[in-house]
Amino acid sequence: MTTSSVPARPEQQLTEAQRTALTRQLEFVLNSRWFRTSRRCSTLLRHTVEAVIEGQGDQLREHQIGIKAFHRQTGYDSDADPVVRIAAGDVRKRLSQYYGDPENAAQIQIEIPIGSYVPIFHFPSQKKMAAPLPETKSSVVSDGVGTNVVDAPSDGNSELSPVQALQPPHSHQWRYFAIAVCALLLIGLSLYLSRAVVRHEDRAREFWKPFRDPSGSTLICMSDMASFKREFPWFSLAEGNLDGSAGAYIRTQDKIFLSEAINSTKLAVKISTKGSAYRLASSNTTNLTDLRQGPVILLGSFGNDWTMRVLESLRFGIEMRVNVGGVITDKQNPGQTKWVVSYATPFEKFSVEYGVVARLRSSITEKPMMVIAGLSEPGTTAAEEVVTNPQYLEVFLKSAPTGWENKNMEAVIETQVIDGKTGPPKVVATYIW
């Protein structure tokens, strides 16, 4: 290899194609496992290489690098703070490891010689390239002040393109093959996912179809304070200094729980997506005639008389037991006590909650009916999320048997609770009949 002296401005000796190739090679090196874990080494290598590419190689002195690359003060003492020397030594070691990997041996080589911070670039020669690449090769070599160019034998053909300069021997064939295989895999994956999405959407659409009646409207019947206090009259006395008349007044009000209002809004959006109508009412103001007018969604448990009435006839029900708390019951396994929430625990200390989701044709109204109820507010919210979130609804429906669209179904829902907020709902039991 021969060298020849050139002026001190190396950018005059680099063609535009070579600068582009060097920029790409720098990114390859910096993204390798040898450099991506060291910010200091990456900073020094990027600064020195880009300085030469931009024609500022004559400014690559230790003190200047410390100021510009490592943000040291103008008057800093490089002997007391040898950050540049330490980084340069580490960069040299990592470059040696990078190019010691056979996969990188044929790439443009970057070298920072000992005693200098101006990098040397070795471009691949024709002998190291796969035919029919040209043979031109040149390297910018620093002498610490000026710059030298190392020329390899050439037959006068045009210089290497940036892409050619970065390609290892015989890379074209396997790259084309790899690209073709990846394209086929992506096409196959796209088709699979698109079909899976269609299946998910179809199941969700069938699940909600009975509650999107274009000729009528769906009633969303919510829990309310009056129904709750009628079921548990002692609750009003626990609220503080309420005399009898005040307690009686509260028991007659149609106030609804805030969480019920939020959940009913989500359900209303789900129903009206296809332009279907809906009605909102509290349990205390809803009678059997109202229920028989069309599809019904019963929201909440102990504050909804109709929910409790419907669940009495289903496999999974909800009860409040003295000295125990709220319980999800199982008529096929009456002795089970794993779905329990103790109401002696402060609400904000709940760690787990349970709820029930049911979709059926009611024997009471002979109309489609859905029940969404929890042992307390977090349980109802988790149950609501199962039917309104396509991801969780799919988990509920994917194991359903053929023809489930025309069957009744019920599920028990579990969720973790932190500070009164629910985590992702989990279907822990199902029954389809």
Protein backbone atom coordinates (compact mmCIF):
# COMPACT_ATOMS: atom_id res chain seq x y z
CA MET A 1 0.00 0.00 0.00
CA THR A 2 1.41 3.37 -0.96
CA THR A 3 0.65 6.79 0.45
CA SER A 4 0.85 10.27 -0.94
CA SER A 5 0.75 13.65 0.80
CA VAL A 6 -2.26 15.92 0.34
CA PRO A 7 -3.29 19.29 1.70
CA ALA A 8 -4.53 19.56 5.29
CA ARG A 9 -8.20 19.81 4.33
CA PRO A 10 -9.33 16.19 4.02
CA GLU A 11 -12.79 17.05 2.69
CA GLN A 12 -11.10 18.06 -0.57
CA GLN A 13 -9.91 14.45 -0.98
CA LEU A 14 -13.27 12.74 -0.18
CA THR A 15 -15.89 12.46 -2.87
CA GLU A 16 -19.54 12.96 -2.06
CA ALA A 17 -20.15 9.21 -2.48
CA GLN A 18 -17.39 8.42 0.00
CA ARG A 19 -18.77 10.88 2.55
CA THR A 20 -22.19 9.28 2.27
CA ALA A 21 -20.68 5.83 2.68
CA LEU A 22 -18.70 6.96 5.72
CA THR A 23 -21.79 8.46 7.34
CA ARG A 24 -23.65 5.19 6.93
CA GLN A 25 -20.70 3.17 8.17
CA LEU A 26 -20.49 5.36 11.26
CA GLU A 27 -24.12 4.57 12.08
CA PHE A 28 -23.47 0.86 11.62
CA VAL A 29 -20.60 1.01 14.08
CA LEU A 30 -22.44 3.14 16.65
CA ASN A 31 -25.46 0.84 16.58
CA SER A 32 -23.33 -2.26 17.15
CA ARG A 33 -23.19 -4.01 20.51
CA TRP A 34 -19.68 -2.67 21.08
CA PHE A 35 -20.73 1.00 21.03
CA ARG A 36 -24.43 1.35 21.81
CA THR A 37 -23.78 0.71 25.52
CA SER A 38 -21.10 3.43 25.85
CA ARG A 39 -22.27 7.01 25.44
CA ARG A 40 -18.75 8.40 25.95
CA CYS A 41 -17.18 6.24 23.23
CA SER A 42 -20.05 6.91 20.84
CA THR A 43 -19.72 10.65 21.43
CA LEU A 44 -15.99 10.69 20.68
CA LEU A 45 -16.23 8.48 17.58
CA ARG A 46 -19.13 10.45 16.10
CA HIS A 47 -17.45 13.80 16.79
CA THR A 48 -14.11 12.86 15.20
CA VAL A 49 -15.52 11.09 12.13
CA GLU A 50 -18.07 13.82 11.39
CA ALA A 51 -15.39 16.47 11.86
CA VAL A 52 -13.28 14.93 9.08
CA ILE A 53 -16.31 14.44 6.82
CA GLU A 54 -17.23 18.11 7.33
CA GLY A 55 -13.68 19.29 6.72
CA GLN A 56 -12.81 20.14 10.31
CA GLY A 57 -10.17 17.49 10.92
CA ASP A 58 -7.56 20.16 11.70
CA GLN A 59 -9.56 21.05 14.84
CA LEU A 60 -9.32 17.60 16.35
CA ARG A 61 -7.07 18.41 19.29
CA GLU A 62 -7.60 17.01 22.75
CA HIS A 63 -8.55 20.33 24.33
CA GLN A 64 -10.98 21.24 21.53
CA ILE A 65 -12.62 17.80 21.60
CA GLY A 66 -13.09 18.12 25.36
CA ILE A 67 -14.87 21.44 24.92
CA LYS A 68 -17.03 20.59 21.89
CA ALA A 69 -17.78 16.89 22.41
CA PHE A 70 -17.76 16.60 26.20
CA HIS A 71 -18.91 20.13 27.04
CA ARG A 72 -15.95 21.05 29.24
CA GLN A 73 -15.27 24.69 30.14
CA THR A 74 -12.97 26.62 27.82
CA GLY A 75 -10.13 26.75 30.31
CA TYR A 76 -10.38 23.20 31.61
CA ASP A 77 -7.16 21.29 32.43
CA SER A 78 -6.90 18.19 30.21
CA ASP A 79 -4.20 16.74 32.48
CA ALA A 80 -6.51 16.90 35.49
CA ASP A 81 -9.50 15.77 33.40
CA PRO A 82 -8.20 13.29 30.76
CA VAL A 83 -11.69 12.38 29.52
CA VAL A 84 -10.66 12.59 25.85
CA ARG A 85 -7.58 10.37 26.23
CA ILE A 86 -9.50 7.78 28.21
CA ALA A 87 -12.36 7.76 25.70
CA ALA A 88 -9.96 7.50 22.75
CA GLY A 89 -8.24 4.47 24.25
CA ASP A 90 -11.61 2.80 24.83
CA VAL A 91 -12.75 3.63 21.28
CA ARG A 92 -9.61 2.06 19.78
CA LYS A 93 -10.28 -1.13 21.74
CA ARG A 94 -13.94 -1.28 20.69
CA LEU A 95 -13.12 -0.59 17.03
CA SER A 96 -10.64 -3.46 17.13
CA GLN A 97 -13.33 -5.74 18.52
CA TYR A 98 -15.89 -4.56 15.98
CA TYR A 99 -13.67 -5.18 12.94
CA GLY A 100 -12.40 -8.40 14.50
CA ASP A 101 -15.83 -9.84 13.84
CA PRO A 102 -15.67 -11.61 10.43
CA GLU A 103 -19.08 -10.17 9.51
CA ASN A 104 -17.62 -6.64 9.66
CA ALA A 105 -14.20 -7.27 8.17
CA ALA A 106 -15.15 -6.22 4.62
CA GLN A 107 -16.79 -2.94 5.63
CA ILE A 108 -15.19 0.50 5.53
CA GLN A 109 -12.72 0.47 8.40
CA ILE A 110 -12.41 3.40 10.81
CA GLU A 111 -9.22 3.71 12.81
CA ILE A 112 -8.00 6.28 15.34
CA PRO A 113 -4.20 5.86 15.46
CA ILE A 114 -2.33 6.19 18.74
CA GLY A 115 -1.05 9.74 19.24
CA SER A 116 -3.79 11.33 17.11
CA TYR A 117 -7.51 11.99 17.26
CA VAL A 118 -7.95 12.27 13.47
CA PRO A 119 -9.54 9.05 12.20
CA ILE A 120 -8.21 6.98 9.29
CA PHE A 121 -10.65 5.45 6.80
CA HIS A 122 -9.85 2.27 4.84
CA PHE A 123 -12.18 1.65 1.92
CA PRO A 124 -12.55 -1.96 0.61
CA SER A 125 -10.52 -2.83 -2.49
CA GLN A 126 -11.76 -4.73 -5.53
CA LYS A 127 -10.07 -7.92 -4.32
CA LYS A 128 -12.28 -7.91 -1.23
CA MET A 129 -15.46 -7.12 -3.12
CA ALA A 130 -17.81 -9.42 -4.96
CA ALA A 131 -17.80 -9.00 -8.74
CA PRO A 132 -18.65 -6.87 -10.64
CA LEU A 133 -17.89 -4.04 -8.19
CA PRO A 134 -15.25 -1.44 -9.25
CA GLU A 135 -11.76 -1.52 -7.74
CA THR A 136 -11.15 2.06 -6.61
CA LYS A 137 -10.04 2.35 -3.01
CA SER A 138 -8.70 5.27 -1.01
CA SER A 139 -8.05 5.96 2.65
CA VAL A 140 -7.69 9.24 4.45
CA VAL A 141 -4.66 8.90 6.74
CA SER A 142 -3.77 11.49 9.34
CA ASP A 143 -0.22 12.44 10.26
CA GLY A 144 -1.50 14.40 13.25
CA VAL A 145 -1.60 17.72 11.34
CA GLY A 146 -2.22 17.08 7.67
CA THR A 147 -3.91 14.18 5.92
CA ASN A 148 -2.72 11.43 3.58
CA VAL A 149 -4.63 9.36 1.06
CA VAL A 150 -3.82 5.67 0.60
CA ASP A 151 -4.54 4.46 -2.95
CA ALA A 152 -5.04 0.85 -4.04
CA PRO A 153 -4.44 -0.42 -7.58
CA SER A 154 -7.27 0.52 -9.91
CA ASP A 155 -8.17 -0.25 -13.48
CA GLY A 156 -9.73 3.20 -13.98
CA ASN A 157 -13.31 2.12 -13.31
CA SER A 158 -15.67 4.42 -11.49
CA GLU A 159 -15.47 4.67 -7.68
CA LEU A 160 -17.53 2.57 -5.31
CA SER A 161 -21.02 3.75 -4.54
CA PRO A 162 -21.92 4.23 -0.87
CA VAL A 163 -24.00 1.07 -0.94
CA GLN A 164 -21.29 -1.00 -2.61
CA ALA A 165 -18.66 0.22 -0.16
CA LEU A 166 -20.66 -1.16 2.74
CA GLN A 167 -21.59 -4.56 1.31
CA PRO A 168 -19.58 -7.63 2.39
CA PRO A 169 -18.57 -10.26 -0.22
CA HIS A 170 -21.37 -12.23 -1.88
CA SER A 171 -24.02 -10.35 0.07
CA HIS A 172 -26.37 -9.63 -2.82
CA GLN A 173 -27.85 -13.08 -3.35
CA TRP A 174 -28.68 -13.86 0.28
CA ARG A 175 -29.98 -10.35 0.89
CA TYR A 176 -32.38 -10.60 -2.03
CA PHE A 177 -33.45 -14.00 -0.78
CA ALA A 178 -33.88 -12.71 2.77
CA ILE A 179 -35.92 -9.75 1.53
CA ALA A 180 -38.17 -12.07 -0.47
CA VAL A 181 -38.68 -14.41 2.49
CA CYS A 182 -39.44 -11.49 4.83
CA ALA A 183 -41.90 -10.07 2.32
CA LEU A 184 -43.72 -13.41 2.09
CA LEU A 185 -43.79 -13.74 5.87
CA LEU A 186 -45.15 -10.21 6.25
CA ILE A 187 -47.84 -10.87 3.66
CA GLY A 188 -48.81 -14.10 5.43
CA LEU A 189 -48.83 -12.42 8.81
CA SER A 190 -50.92 -9.54 7.48
CA LEU A 191 -53.48 -11.92 6.03
CA TYR A 192 -53.62 -13.91 9.25
CA LEU A 193 -54.01 -10.81 11.41
CA SER A 194 -56.59 -9.29 9.11
CA ARG A 195 -58.64 -12.48 9.21
CA ALA A 196 -58.22 -12.68 12.98
CA VAL A 197 -59.39 -9.07 13.32
CA VAL A 198 -62.40 -9.84 11.13
CA ARG A 199 -63.22 -12.87 13.29
CA HIS A 200 -62.91 -10.77 16.44
CA GLU A 201 -65.10 -8.04 14.99
CA ASP A 202 -67.66 -10.60 13.80
CA ARG A 203 -67.92 -12.17 17.26
CA ALA A 204 -68.20 -8.78 18.97
CA ARG A 205 -70.84 -7.69 16.46
CA GLU A 206 -72.87 -10.87 17.08
CA PHE A 207 -72.57 -10.42 20.83
CA TRP A 208 -74.02 -6.90 20.66
CA LYS A 209 -76.48 -7.50 17.81
CA PRO A 210 -79.56 -8.16 20.03
CA PHE A 211 -78.98 -4.82 21.79
CA ARG A 212 -78.79 -2.75 18.62
CA ASP A 213 -82.38 -3.01 17.51
CA PRO A 214 -82.97 -0.41 14.78
CA SER A 215 -86.74 -0.63 15.29
CA GLY A 216 -86.65 0.07 19.02
CA SER A 217 -84.36 1.08 21.85
CA THR A 218 -82.32 -0.64 24.54
CA LEU A 219 -82.99 0.20 28.17
CA ILE A 220 -79.95 0.66 30.41
CA CYS A 221 -81.22 0.15 33.96
CA MET A 222 -78.78 1.41 36.60
CA SER A 223 -78.37 0.87 40.32
CA ASP A 224 -79.56 3.71 42.51
CA MET A 225 -79.28 4.73 46.14
CA ALA A 226 -82.97 4.25 46.87
CA SER A 227 -82.92 0.59 45.80
CA PHE A 228 -79.72 0.01 47.75
CA LYS A 229 -81.14 1.50 50.94
CA ARG A 230 -84.40 -0.39 50.51
CA GLU A 231 -82.39 -3.62 50.34
CA PHE A 232 -80.12 -2.59 53.25
CA PRO A 233 -82.02 -0.10 55.44
CA TRP A 234 -79.26 -0.09 58.07
CA PHE A 235 -76.93 1.62 55.58
CA SER A 236 -78.48 5.06 56.13
CA LEU A 237 -77.76 4.90 59.84
CA ALA A 238 -74.08 4.36 59.16
CA GLU A 239 -73.75 7.60 57.22
CA GLY A 240 -73.51 9.81 60.29
CA ASN A 241 -75.91 11.90 62.31
CA LEU A 242 -79.06 11.33 60.26
CA ASP A 243 -82.37 11.42 62.06
CA GLY A 244 -85.26 9.22 61.02
CA SER A 245 -86.78 11.72 58.63
CA ALA A 246 -83.46 12.39 56.92
CA GLY A 247 -82.87 8.65 56.55
CA ALA A 248 -86.34 8.21 55.09
CA TYR A 249 -85.68 11.06 52.67
CA ILE A 250 -82.43 9.53 51.41
CA ARG A 251 -84.07 6.12 50.99
CA THR A 252 -86.61 7.61 48.58
CA GLN A 253 -84.16 9.41 46.30
CA ASP A 254 -83.21 8.17 42.82
CA LYS A 255 -79.56 9.13 43.18
CA ILE A 256 -77.23 6.91 41.17
CA PHE A 257 -73.61 6.07 41.86
CA LEU A 258 -70.97 7.99 39.92
CA SER A 259 -69.36 4.77 38.68
CA GLU A 260 -72.76 3.63 37.36
CA ALA A 261 -73.10 6.87 35.39
CA ILE A 262 -69.64 6.37 33.86
CA ASN A 263 -70.32 2.72 32.99
CA SER A 264 -73.74 3.50 31.52
CA THR A 265 -72.14 6.14 29.28
CA LYS A 266 -69.71 3.56 27.87
CA LEU A 267 -72.57 1.15 27.25
CA ALA A 268 -74.62 3.86 25.55
CA VAL A 269 -71.73 4.60 23.21
CA LYS A 270 -71.44 0.89 22.39
CA ILE A 271 -75.14 0.63 21.58
CA SER A 272 -75.40 3.84 19.55
CA THR A 273 -72.31 3.12 17.40
CA LYS A 274 -74.54 1.71 14.66
CA GLY A 275 -77.21 4.37 15.13
CA SER A 276 -79.34 2.38 17.57
CA ALA A 277 -81.32 4.13 20.28
CA TYR A 278 -81.08 3.66 24.05
CA ARG A 279 -82.86 4.79 27.21
CA LEU A 280 -81.45 5.38 30.70
CA ALA A 281 -83.38 4.73 33.90
CA SER A 282 -82.73 3.88 37.53
CA SER A 283 -83.87 0.62 39.08
CA ASN A 284 -86.20 2.46 41.43
CA THR A 285 -88.16 3.98 38.51
CA THR A 286 -88.22 0.90 36.28
CA ASN A 287 -91.14 -1.54 36.24
CA LEU A 288 -91.87 -4.74 34.36
CA THR A 289 -93.69 -2.88 31.59
CA ASP A 290 -90.55 -0.85 30.95
CA LEU A 291 -88.46 -4.01 30.75
CA ARG A 292 -90.79 -5.68 28.23
CA GLN A 293 -90.48 -2.86 25.69
CA GLY A 294 -87.18 -4.15 24.27
CA PRO A 295 -83.64 -5.30 25.06
CA VAL A 296 -82.39 -4.48 28.57
CA ILE A 297 -78.98 -4.07 30.17
CA LEU A 298 -79.02 -4.32 33.95
CA LEU A 299 -76.10 -2.50 35.54
CA GLY A 300 -74.99 -2.99 39.15
CA SER A 301 -75.98 -5.49 41.82
CA PHE A 302 -77.20 -4.60 45.33
CA GLY A 303 -78.54 -1.24 44.17
CA ASN A 304 -80.50 -2.81 41.30
CA ASP A 305 -83.55 -4.87 42.31
CA TRP A 306 -83.92 -6.28 38.79
CA THR A 307 -80.34 -7.53 38.66
CA MET A 308 -80.79 -9.45 41.91
CA ARG A 309 -84.10 -10.91 40.69
CA VAL A 310 -82.61 -12.13 37.38
CA LEU A 311 -79.47 -13.60 38.97
CA GLU A 312 -81.60 -15.72 41.32
CA SER A 313 -82.38 -18.03 38.39
CA LEU A 314 -78.85 -18.19 36.89
CA ARG A 315 -75.94 -20.45 37.83
CA PHE A 316 -73.73 -17.61 39.07
CA GLY A 317 -75.43 -15.23 41.46
CA ILE A 318 -74.58 -12.48 43.94
CA GLU A 319 -75.35 -12.48 47.65
CA MET A 320 -74.49 -10.47 50.74
CA ARG A 321 -73.82 -12.72 53.73
CA VAL A 322 -73.60 -11.59 57.34
CA ASN A 323 -70.05 -11.73 58.75
CA VAL A 324 -68.75 -12.71 55.32
CA GLY A 325 -69.43 -9.95 52.81
CA GLY A 326 -70.28 -10.05 49.12
CA VAL A 327 -70.16 -13.49 47.49
CA ILE A 328 -70.39 -14.76 43.91
CA THR A 329 -72.40 -17.97 44.33
CA ASP A 330 -72.31 -21.07 42.13
CA LYS A 331 -75.43 -23.27 42.15
CA GLN A 332 -73.43 -26.20 40.80
CA ASN A 333 -70.85 -25.81 43.59
CA PRO A 334 -72.71 -24.30 46.56
CA GLY A 335 -69.83 -24.72 48.97
CA GLN A 336 -67.32 -22.62 47.05
CA THR A 337 -66.08 -19.50 48.81
CA LYS A 338 -63.26 -18.30 46.54
CA TRP A 339 -65.14 -15.34 45.01
CA VAL A 340 -65.67 -13.28 48.16
CA VAL A 341 -65.12 -9.64 49.13
CA SER A 342 -65.21 -8.68 52.81
CA TYR A 343 -67.07 -5.43 53.38
CA ALA A 344 -65.29 -5.10 56.71
CA THR A 345 -62.27 -4.07 54.63
CA PRO A 346 -62.15 -0.32 53.82
CA PHE A 347 -63.06 0.29 50.20
CA GLU A 348 -59.65 1.81 49.35
CA LYS A 349 -57.96 -1.33 50.77
CA PHE A 350 -59.67 -3.79 48.42
CA SER A 351 -57.07 -5.90 46.59
CA VAL A 352 -59.35 -8.08 44.45
CA GLU A 353 -62.91 -7.80 43.21
CA TYR A 354 -65.39 -10.01 41.38
CA GLY A 355 -68.30 -9.50 39.05
CA VAL A 356 -70.74 -11.31 36.78
CA VAL A 357 -71.58 -10.87 33.11
CA ALA A 358 -74.63 -12.59 31.66
CA ARG A 359 -76.21 -12.45 28.20
CA LEU A 360 -79.50 -14.26 27.82
CA ARG A 361 -83.05 -14.25 26.59
CA SER A 362 -84.97 -13.43 29.74
CA SER A 363 -87.79 -15.69 30.85
CA ILE A 364 -89.28 -12.68 32.64
CA THR A 365 -89.53 -10.38 29.61
CA GLU A 366 -88.90 -12.78 26.70
CA LYS A 367 -86.47 -10.14 25.42
CA PRO A 368 -82.65 -10.02 25.13
CA MET A 369 -81.08 -9.11 28.46
CA MET A 370 -77.55 -8.45 29.68
CA VAL A 371 -76.45 -8.32 33.31
CA ILE A 372 -73.28 -6.46 34.31
CA ALA A 373 -72.78 -6.57 38.06
CA GLY A 374 -70.03 -6.66 40.67
CA LEU A 375 -69.78 -7.21 44.40
CA SER A 376 -69.01 -3.49 44.60
CA GLU A 377 -68.21 -0.66 42.19
CA PRO A 378 -64.79 -2.00 40.97
CA GLY A 379 -66.37 -5.38 40.20
CA THR A 380 -69.10 -3.78 38.11
CA THR A 381 -66.52 -1.67 36.27
CA ALA A 382 -64.44 -4.79 35.48
CA ALA A 383 -67.52 -6.63 34.21
CA GLU A 384 -68.46 -3.64 32.04
CA GLU A 385 -64.94 -3.57 30.55
CA VAL A 386 -65.24 -7.21 29.47
CA VAL A 387 -68.21 -6.47 27.22
CA THR A 388 -67.12 -3.05 25.91
CA ASN A 389 -63.42 -3.72 25.29
CA PRO A 390 -62.95 -5.93 22.17
CA GLN A 391 -59.76 -7.43 23.59
CA TYR A 392 -61.43 -8.80 26.72
CA LEU A 393 -64.68 -9.68 24.98
CA GLU A 394 -62.68 -11.84 22.58
CA VAL A 395 -61.18 -13.77 25.52
CA PHE A 396 -64.72 -14.40 26.77
CA LEU A 397 -66.04 -15.54 23.38
CA LYS A 398 -63.14 -17.39 21.74
CA SER A 399 -63.82 -20.63 23.63
CA ALA A 400 -67.59 -20.47 23.13
CA PRO A 401 -69.09 -23.40 21.20
CA THR A 402 -70.58 -23.18 17.74
CA GLY A 403 -73.96 -21.49 17.80
CA TRP A 404 -73.24 -19.49 20.94
CA GLU A 405 -74.97 -16.51 19.33
CA ASN A 406 -78.34 -18.15 20.06
CA LYS A 407 -77.43 -19.47 23.50
CA ASN A 408 -77.42 -17.99 26.98
CA MET A 409 -74.03 -17.34 28.55
CA GLU A 410 -72.66 -16.23 31.89
CA ALA A 411 -69.16 -15.55 33.23
CA VAL A 412 -67.46 -14.70 36.50
CA ILE A 413 -64.97 -11.84 36.29
CA GLU A 414 -61.98 -11.18 38.55
CA THR A 415 -59.84 -8.05 38.73
CA GLN A 416 -57.03 -6.74 40.89
CA VAL A 417 -57.75 -3.47 42.70
CA ILE A 418 -55.28 -0.81 43.84
CA ASP A 419 -56.52 2.32 45.62
CA GLY A 420 -60.03 1.61 44.39
CA LYS A 421 -58.96 1.40 40.71
CA THR A 422 -59.40 -1.79 38.71
CA GLY A 423 -56.75 -3.66 36.78
CA PRO A 424 -57.34 -5.75 33.64
CA PRO A 425 -60.41 -8.00 33.99
CA LYS A 426 -59.98 -11.76 33.85
CA VAL A 427 -62.66 -14.34 33.00
CA VAL A 428 -62.34 -17.07 35.66
CA ALA A 429 -65.47 -19.14 34.97
CA THR A 430 -68.04 -19.45 32.19
CA TYR A 431 -71.32 -21.28 31.65
CA ILE A 432 -73.18 -21.55 28.34
CA TRP A 433 -76.56 -23.20 27.91
